[in-house]
C-alpha atoms as a PDB file:
ATOM      1  CA  MET A   1    -136.554  91.688  10.962  1.00  0.00           C
ATOM      2  CA  ASN A   2    -134.837  88.784   8.662  1.00  0.00           C
ATOM      3  CA  GLN A   3    -136.177  85.371  10.057  1.00  0.00           C
ATOM      4  CA  THR A   4    -134.298  82.020   8.988  1.00  0.00           C
ATOM      5  CA  ILE A   5    -136.433  78.562   9.808  1.00  0.00           C
ATOM      6  CA  TYR A   6    -134.559  75.441   9.190  1.00  0.00           C
ATOM      7  CA  LEU A   7    -137.422  72.819   9.370  1.00  0.00           C
ATOM      8  CA  PHE A   8    -136.439  69.312  10.001  1.00  0.00           C
ATOM      9  CA  ARG A   9    -138.494  65.973   9.938  1.00  0.00           C
ATOM     10  CA  HIS A  10    -137.729  63.360  12.457  1.00  0.00           C
ATOM     11  CA  GLY A  11    -135.812  60.257  10.917  1.00  0.00           C
ATOM     12  CA  GLU A  12    -137.314  56.760   9.752  1.00  0.00           C
ATOM     13  CA  THR A  13    -139.305  54.686  12.392  1.00  0.00           C
ATOM     14  CA  GLN A  14    -139.971  51.343  12.913  1.00  0.00           C
ATOM     15  CA  TYR A  15    -143.791  52.262  12.106  1.00  0.00           C
ATOM     16  CA  ASN A  16    -142.300  54.292   9.194  1.00  0.00           C
ATOM     17  CA  THR A  17    -141.117  50.871   7.744  1.00  0.00           C
ATOM     18  CA  GLN A  18    -144.485  49.162   8.176  1.00  0.00           C
ATOM     19  CA  GLY A  19    -146.466  51.323   6.839  1.00  0.00           C
ATOM     20  CA  ARG A  20    -148.524  52.325   9.696  1.00  0.00           C
ATOM     21  CA  TYR A  21    -149.562  55.804  10.182  1.00  0.00           C
ATOM     22  CA  GLN A  22    -148.426  57.606  13.830  1.00  0.00           C
ATOM     23  CA  GLY A  23    -150.308  60.495  14.399  1.00  0.00           C
ATOM     24  CA  GLU A  24    -149.946  61.119  18.411  1.00  0.00           C
ATOM     25  CA  LEU A  25    -148.588  57.655  18.542  1.00  0.00           C
ATOM     26  CA  ASP A  26    -144.814  56.791  18.864  1.00  0.00           C
ATOM     27  CA  SER A  27    -142.487  54.773  17.357  1.00  0.00           C
ATOM     28  CA  THR A  28    -138.550  54.760  18.332  1.00  0.00           C
ATOM     29  CA  LEU A  29    -136.079  55.238  14.879  1.00  0.00           C
ATOM     30  CA  THR A  30    -134.451  53.000  12.814  1.00  0.00           C
ATOM     31  CA  GLU A  31    -130.521  52.481  12.065  1.00  0.00           C
ATOM     32  CA  ASP A  32    -131.568  54.291   9.132  1.00  0.00           C
ATOM     33  CA  GLY A  33    -133.572  56.807  10.833  1.00  0.00           C
ATOM     34  CA  ILE A  34    -130.567  57.645  12.866  1.00  0.00           C
ATOM     35  CA  ASN A  35    -128.158  57.690  10.238  1.00  0.00           C
ATOM     36  CA  GLN A  36    -130.689  60.072   7.968  1.00  0.00           C
ATOM     37  CA  VAL A  37    -130.596  62.529  11.011  1.00  0.00           C
ATOM     38  CA  LYS A  38    -126.814  62.549  11.271  1.00  0.00           C
ATOM     39  CA  MET A  39    -126.325  63.669   7.809  1.00  0.00           C
ATOM     40  CA  ASN A  40    -129.054  66.260   7.908  1.00  0.00           C
ATOM     41  CA  ALA A  41    -127.386  67.467  11.041  1.00  0.00           C
ATOM     42  CA  ARG A  42    -123.862  67.808   9.535  1.00  0.00           C
ATOM     43  CA  ILE A  43    -125.310  69.576   6.696  1.00  0.00           C
ATOM     44  CA  LEU A  44    -126.685  71.864   8.924  1.00  0.00           C
ATOM     45  CA  LYS A  45    -123.860  72.168  11.101  1.00  0.00           C
ATOM     46  CA  SER A  46    -121.977  73.669   7.707  1.00  0.00           C
ATOM     47  CA  LEU A  47    -124.637  76.132   6.969  1.00  0.00           C
ATOM     48  CA  ILE A  48    -124.716  77.724  10.660  1.00  0.00           C
ATOM     49  CA  LYS A  49    -122.064  79.646  12.254  1.00  0.00           C
ATOM     50  CA  ASP A  50    -122.649  79.441  16.054  1.00  0.00           C
ATOM     51  CA  PRO A  51    -125.033  77.065  17.208  1.00  0.00           C
ATOM     52  CA  ASN A  52    -125.849  79.082  20.031  1.00  0.00           C
ATOM     53  CA  GLU A  53    -127.517  81.967  17.982  1.00  0.00           C
ATOM     54  CA  TRP A  54    -130.535  79.516  17.480  1.00  0.00           C
ATOM     55  CA  GLU A  55    -132.995  78.929  18.894  1.00  0.00           C
ATOM     56  CA  ILE A  56    -134.415  74.620  18.751  1.00  0.00           C
ATOM     57  CA  ILE A  57    -137.694  73.973  18.826  1.00  0.00           C
ATOM     58  CA  SER A  58    -139.272  70.594  18.751  1.00  0.00           C
ATOM     59  CA  SER A  59    -142.091  68.257  18.636  1.00  0.00           C
ATOM     60  CA  PRO A  60    -142.454  66.800  22.229  1.00  0.00           C
ATOM     61  CA  LEU A  61    -143.617  63.327  20.193  1.00  0.00           C
ATOM     62  CA  GLY A  62    -140.430  60.713  21.230  1.00  0.00           C
ATOM     63  CA  ARG A  63    -139.401  60.059  17.463  1.00  0.00           C
ATOM     64  CA  ALA A  64    -139.120  63.996  17.335  1.00  0.00           C
ATOM     65  CA  VAL A  65    -137.279  64.680  20.257  1.00  0.00           C
ATOM     66  CA  GLU A  66    -135.153  61.567  19.561  1.00  0.00           C
ATOM     67  CA  SER A  67    -133.930  63.326  16.318  1.00  0.00           C
ATOM     68  CA  THR A  68    -133.649  66.711  18.127  1.00  0.00           C
ATOM     69  CA  LYS A  69    -130.702  65.266  20.650  1.00  0.00           C
ATOM     70  CA  ILE A  70    -128.881  63.590  17.442  1.00  0.00           C
ATOM     71  CA  ILE A  71    -129.124  67.090  15.954  1.00  0.00           C
ATOM     72  CA  CYS A  72    -127.879  68.684  19.116  1.00  0.00           C
ATOM     73  CA  GLU A  73    -124.869  66.254  19.852  1.00  0.00           C
ATOM     74  CA  THR A  74    -124.010  67.053  16.010  1.00  0.00           C
ATOM     75  CA  ILE A  75    -124.197  70.456  16.007  1.00  0.00           C
ATOM     76  CA  GLY A  76    -122.754  71.326  19.311  1.00  0.00           C
ATOM     77  CA  TYR A  77    -126.008  72.512  21.187  1.00  0.00           C
ATOM     78  CA  GLU A  78    -126.945  71.949  24.972  1.00  0.00           C
ATOM     79  CA  PHE A  79    -129.881  69.642  24.581  1.00  0.00           C
ATOM     80  CA  SER A  80    -131.454  71.189  27.675  1.00  0.00           C
ATOM     81  CA  LYS A  81    -132.027  74.386  26.070  1.00  0.00           C
ATOM     82  CA  VAL A  82    -134.159  72.921  23.777  1.00  0.00           C
ATOM     83  CA  LYS A  83    -138.056  74.067  24.111  1.00  0.00           C
ATOM     84  CA  THR A  84    -140.922  71.556  23.170  1.00  0.00           C
ATOM     85  CA  ASP A  85    -144.022  72.783  21.512  1.00  0.00           C
ATOM     86  CA  ILE A  86    -147.184  70.458  21.325  1.00  0.00           C
ATOM     87  CA  ARG A  87    -148.196  72.494  18.347  1.00  0.00           C
ATOM     88  CA  LEU A  88    -145.537  71.021  16.397  1.00  0.00           C
ATOM     89  CA  SER A  89    -146.821  67.730  16.959  1.00  0.00           C
ATOM     90  CA  GLU A  90    -148.153  65.280  14.237  1.00  0.00           C
ATOM     91  CA  VAL A  91    -151.656  65.810  12.696  1.00  0.00           C
ATOM     92  CA  ALA A  92    -153.660  63.217  15.059  1.00  0.00           C
ATOM     93  CA  VAL A  93    -155.657  60.755  13.325  1.00  0.00           C
ATOM     94  CA  GLY A  94    -157.642  59.243  16.035  1.00  0.00           C
ATOM     95  CA  SER A  95    -158.433  55.733  15.773  1.00  0.00           C
ATOM     96  CA  TRP A  96    -156.538  55.025  12.688  1.00  0.00           C
ATOM     97  CA  ALA A  97    -153.324  55.583  14.417  1.00  0.00           C
ATOM     98  CA  GLY A  98    -150.928  52.708  14.119  1.00  0.00           C
ATOM     99  CA  LEU A  99    -153.153  51.411  11.519  1.00  0.00           C
ATOM    100  CA  THR A 100    -151.888  50.520   7.650  1.00  0.00           C
ATOM    101  CA  LEU A 101    -153.918  52.157   4.795  1.00  0.00           C
ATOM    102  CA  GLU A 102    -155.281  48.696   3.725  1.00  0.00           C
ATOM    103  CA  GLN A 103    -156.347  47.945   7.329  1.00  0.00           C
ATOM    104  CA  ILE A 104    -158.161  51.901   7.251  1.00  0.00           C
ATOM    105  CA  GLU A 105    -159.599  51.197   3.767  1.00  0.00           C
ATOM    106  CA  VAL A 106    -161.511  47.907   5.211  1.00  0.00           C
ATOM    107  CA  GLY A 107    -162.452  49.350   8.248  1.00  0.00           C
ATOM    108  CA  TRP A 108    -163.381  52.810   7.462  1.00  0.00           C
ATOM    109  CA  LYS A 109    -165.014  52.551   3.410  1.00  0.00           C
ATOM    110  CA  ASN A 110    -167.193  55.387   4.165  1.00  0.00           C
ATOM    111  CA  ASN A 111    -164.443  57.752   4.997  1.00  0.00           C
ATOM    112  CA  MET A 112    -162.413  56.935   2.208  1.00  0.00           C
ATOM    113  CA  LYS A 113    -164.750  57.700  -0.256  1.00  0.00           C
ATOM    114  CA  ASN A 114    -163.794  61.023  -2.532  1.00  0.00           C
ATOM    115  CA  THR A 115    -160.392  61.051  -0.752  1.00  0.00           C
ATOM    116  CA  ASN A 116    -156.859  60.873  -2.424  1.00  0.00           C
ATOM    117  CA  LEU A 117    -153.522  60.064  -1.407  1.00  0.00           C
ATOM    118  CA  TYR A 118    -152.866  63.317  -0.076  1.00  0.00           C
ATOM    119  CA  ASN A 119    -156.030  64.477   1.800  1.00  0.00           C
ATOM    120  CA  TRP A 120    -157.155  61.171   3.197  1.00  0.00           C
ATOM    121  CA  TYR A 121    -155.889  62.000   6.848  1.00  0.00           C
ATOM    122  CA  PHE A 122    -158.407  64.429   7.560  1.00  0.00           C
ATOM    123  CA  ASN A 123    -161.344  61.871   7.136  1.00  0.00           C
ATOM    124  CA  SER A 124    -160.481  60.223  10.398  1.00  0.00           C
ATOM    125  CA  PRO A 125    -163.802  60.163  12.491  1.00  0.00           C
ATOM    126  CA  ASP A 126    -161.837  61.380  15.519  1.00  0.00           C
ATOM    127  CA  GLY A 127    -158.908  63.168  14.118  1.00  0.00           C
ATOM    128  CA  GLU A 128    -157.837  66.535  13.193  1.00  0.00           C
ATOM    129  CA  SER A 129    -158.987  68.596  10.531  1.00  0.00           C
ATOM    130  CA  TYR A 130    -156.809  70.298   8.586  1.00  0.00           C
ATOM    131  CA  ASP A 131    -158.374  73.692   9.434  1.00  0.00           C
ATOM    132  CA  THR A 132    -157.495  73.028  13.369  1.00  0.00           C
ATOM    133  CA  VAL A 133    -154.145  72.222  12.346  1.00  0.00           C
ATOM    134  CA  VAL A 134    -153.663  75.340  10.278  1.00  0.00           C
ATOM    135  CA  LYS A 135    -154.717  77.109  13.481  1.00  0.00           C
ATOM    136  CA  ARG A 136    -152.257  75.693  15.695  1.00  0.00           C
ATOM    137  CA  LEU A 137    -149.203  76.188  13.139  1.00  0.00           C
ATOM    138  CA  SER A 138    -150.433  79.690  12.624  1.00  0.00           C
ATOM    139  CA  SER A 139    -150.346  80.570  16.279  1.00  0.00           C
ATOM    140  CA  TRP A 140    -147.083  78.698  16.252  1.00  0.00           C
ATOM    141  CA  PHE A 141    -145.820  81.046  13.646  1.00  0.00           C
ATOM    142  CA  LYS A 142    -146.896  84.057  15.301  1.00  0.00           C
ATOM    143  CA  ASP A 143    -145.319  83.208  18.464  1.00  0.00           C
ATOM    144  CA  ILE A 144    -142.058  82.685  17.096  1.00  0.00           C
ATOM    145  CA  GLU A 145    -142.374  85.828  14.447  1.00  0.00           C
ATOM    146  CA  ASN A 146    -139.443  87.535  16.409  1.00  0.00           C
ATOM    147  CA  LEU A 147    -136.593  84.862  16.782  1.00  0.00           C
ATOM    148  CA  PRO A 148    -133.960  85.574  14.267  1.00  0.00           C
ATOM    149  CA  ASN A 149    -132.754  82.188  14.279  1.00  0.00           C
ATOM    150  CA  VAL A 150    -135.013  78.958  14.404  1.00  0.00           C
ATOM    151  CA  ILE A 151    -134.322  75.059  13.747  1.00  0.00           C
ATOM    152  CA  VAL A 152    -137.432  73.295  13.954  1.00  0.00           C
ATOM    153  CA  VAL A 153    -138.191  69.728  14.254  1.00  0.00           C
ATOM    154  CA  SER A 154    -141.513  68.060  13.500  1.00  0.00           C
ATOM    155  CA  HIS A 155    -143.252  65.284  11.183  1.00  0.00           C
ATOM    156  CA  GLY A 156    -143.944  64.669   7.818  1.00  0.00           C
ATOM    157  CA  LEU A 157    -147.672  65.838   7.272  1.00  0.00           C
ATOM    158  CA  THR A 158    -147.345  68.977  10.160  1.00  0.00           C
ATOM    159  CA  GLY A 159    -144.082  69.735   7.987  1.00  0.00           C
ATOM    160  CA  ARG A 160    -146.475  70.240   4.865  1.00  0.00           C
ATOM    161  CA  VAL A 161    -148.635  72.499   6.244  1.00  0.00           C
ATOM    162  CA  LEU A 162    -145.922  74.485   7.852  1.00  0.00           C
ATOM    163  CA  ARG A 163    -144.575  75.250   4.303  1.00  0.00           C
ATOM    164  CA  GLY A 164    -147.736  75.715   2.937  1.00  0.00           C
ATOM    165  CA  ILE A 165    -148.682  78.204   5.645  1.00  0.00           C
ATOM    166  CA  TYR A 166    -145.669  80.089   5.279  1.00  0.00           C
ATOM    167  CA  SER A 167    -145.925  79.887   1.184  1.00  0.00           C
ATOM    168  CA  ASN A 168    -149.555  80.955   1.469  1.00  0.00           C
ATOM    169  CA  LEU A 169    -150.465  77.700  -0.326  1.00  0.00           C
ATOM    170  CA  SER A 170    -153.962  76.327  -0.312  1.00  0.00           C
ATOM    171  CA  LYS A 171    -154.494  72.898   1.177  1.00  0.00           C
ATOM    172  CA  GLU A 172    -154.513  70.955  -2.052  1.00  0.00           C
ATOM    173  CA  GLU A 173    -151.245  72.609  -3.050  1.00  0.00           C
ATOM    174  CA  ALA A 174    -149.887  72.147   0.692  1.00  0.00           C
ATOM    175  CA  LEU A 175    -150.507  68.768   0.803  1.00  0.00           C
ATOM    176  CA  LYS A 176    -148.800  67.679  -2.426  1.00  0.00           C
ATOM    177  CA  LEU A 177    -145.332  69.340  -0.914  1.00  0.00           C
ATOM    178  CA  GLU A 178    -142.588  66.802  -0.822  1.00  0.00           C
ATOM    179  CA  VAL A 179    -141.972  65.058   2.479  1.00  0.00           C
ATOM    180  CA  SER A 180    -138.656  63.114   3.354  1.00  0.00           C
ATOM    181  CA  GLN A 181    -136.924  61.903   5.808  1.00  0.00           C
ATOM    182  CA  ARG A 182    -133.466  62.934   3.659  1.00  0.00           C
ATOM    183  CA  THR A 183    -134.339  66.334   3.288  1.00  0.00           C
ATOM    184  CA  PHE A 184    -134.876  69.491   5.307  1.00  0.00           C
ATOM    185  CA  PHE A 185    -135.834  73.042   4.088  1.00  0.00           C
ATOM    186  CA  LYS A 186    -134.835  76.408   4.555  1.00  0.00           C
ATOM    187  CA  LEU A 187    -137.532  79.360   5.284  1.00  0.00           C
ATOM    188  CA  SER A 188    -136.577  82.663   4.620  1.00  0.00           C
ATOM    189  CA  GLU A 189    -138.038  85.760   3.055  1.00  0.00           C
ATOM    190  CA  GLN A 190    -141.066  83.728   2.371  1.00  0.00           C
ATOM    191  CA  ASN A 191    -138.956  81.536   0.323  1.00  0.00           C
ATOM    192  CA  VAL A 192    -138.622  78.006   1.023  1.00  0.00           C
ATOM    193  CA  HIS A 193    -135.531  75.949  -0.355  1.00  0.00           C
ATOM    194  CA  LYS A 194    -134.859  72.325   0.045  1.00  0.00           C
ATOM    195  CA  ILE A 195    -131.732  71.211   1.304  1.00  0.00           C
ATOM    196  CA  SER A 196    -131.025  67.165   0.552  1.00  0.00           C
ATOM    197  CA  SER A 197    -128.330  65.095   2.009  1.00  0.00           C
ATOM    198  CA  ASP A 198    -129.429  62.560  -0.747  1.00  0.00           C
ATOM    199  CA  PHE A 199    -125.489  62.473  -1.647  1.00  0.00           C
ATOM    200  CA  ASP A 200    -122.204  61.342   0.033  1.00  0.00           C
ATOM    201  CA  ASP A 201    -120.442  64.379   0.229  1.00  0.00           C
ATOM    202  CA  PHE A 202    -121.220  64.816   4.054  1.00  0.00           C
END
């Protein structure tokens, strides 16, 4: 069976604009965030024929659910049919949730040693490890393998790991993948194709 997955990140949130790392906390979408989701959803609508032939699965976190509602309204999909799955939630960063990178660097100097721009998230003393995230997302992939058409709404870091698993990338490769709220991805036949709304045609 040929499976197609469209993978979305939620729109920009208030915490995003403040440089705060959300993890499992939540923050409402900004006006720009709402517009980002609408633009991406309009492109999605042009790519799929019948929205009712698709299964929509969202992270249960508020910012993802809010984005999912916008997608449903745009493509003409009944929101009550959406499923949520906790395995699609953002990577938990424990005590670091809601803090800026500067605050984390001051409070947890030892944890930040020998880290880089891409992997420091996984050094939280009470957050998730990379392997734990891979395990839960691999389990999710296995559970949807018999669904032909899937639209997924998740998060920035989780989306990187999802694409990394799909493309069989190393940890270092996966964590360097592009992440943007004006972009979504088509996963099909072991290929990942970027779809961008960074233009004004939609």
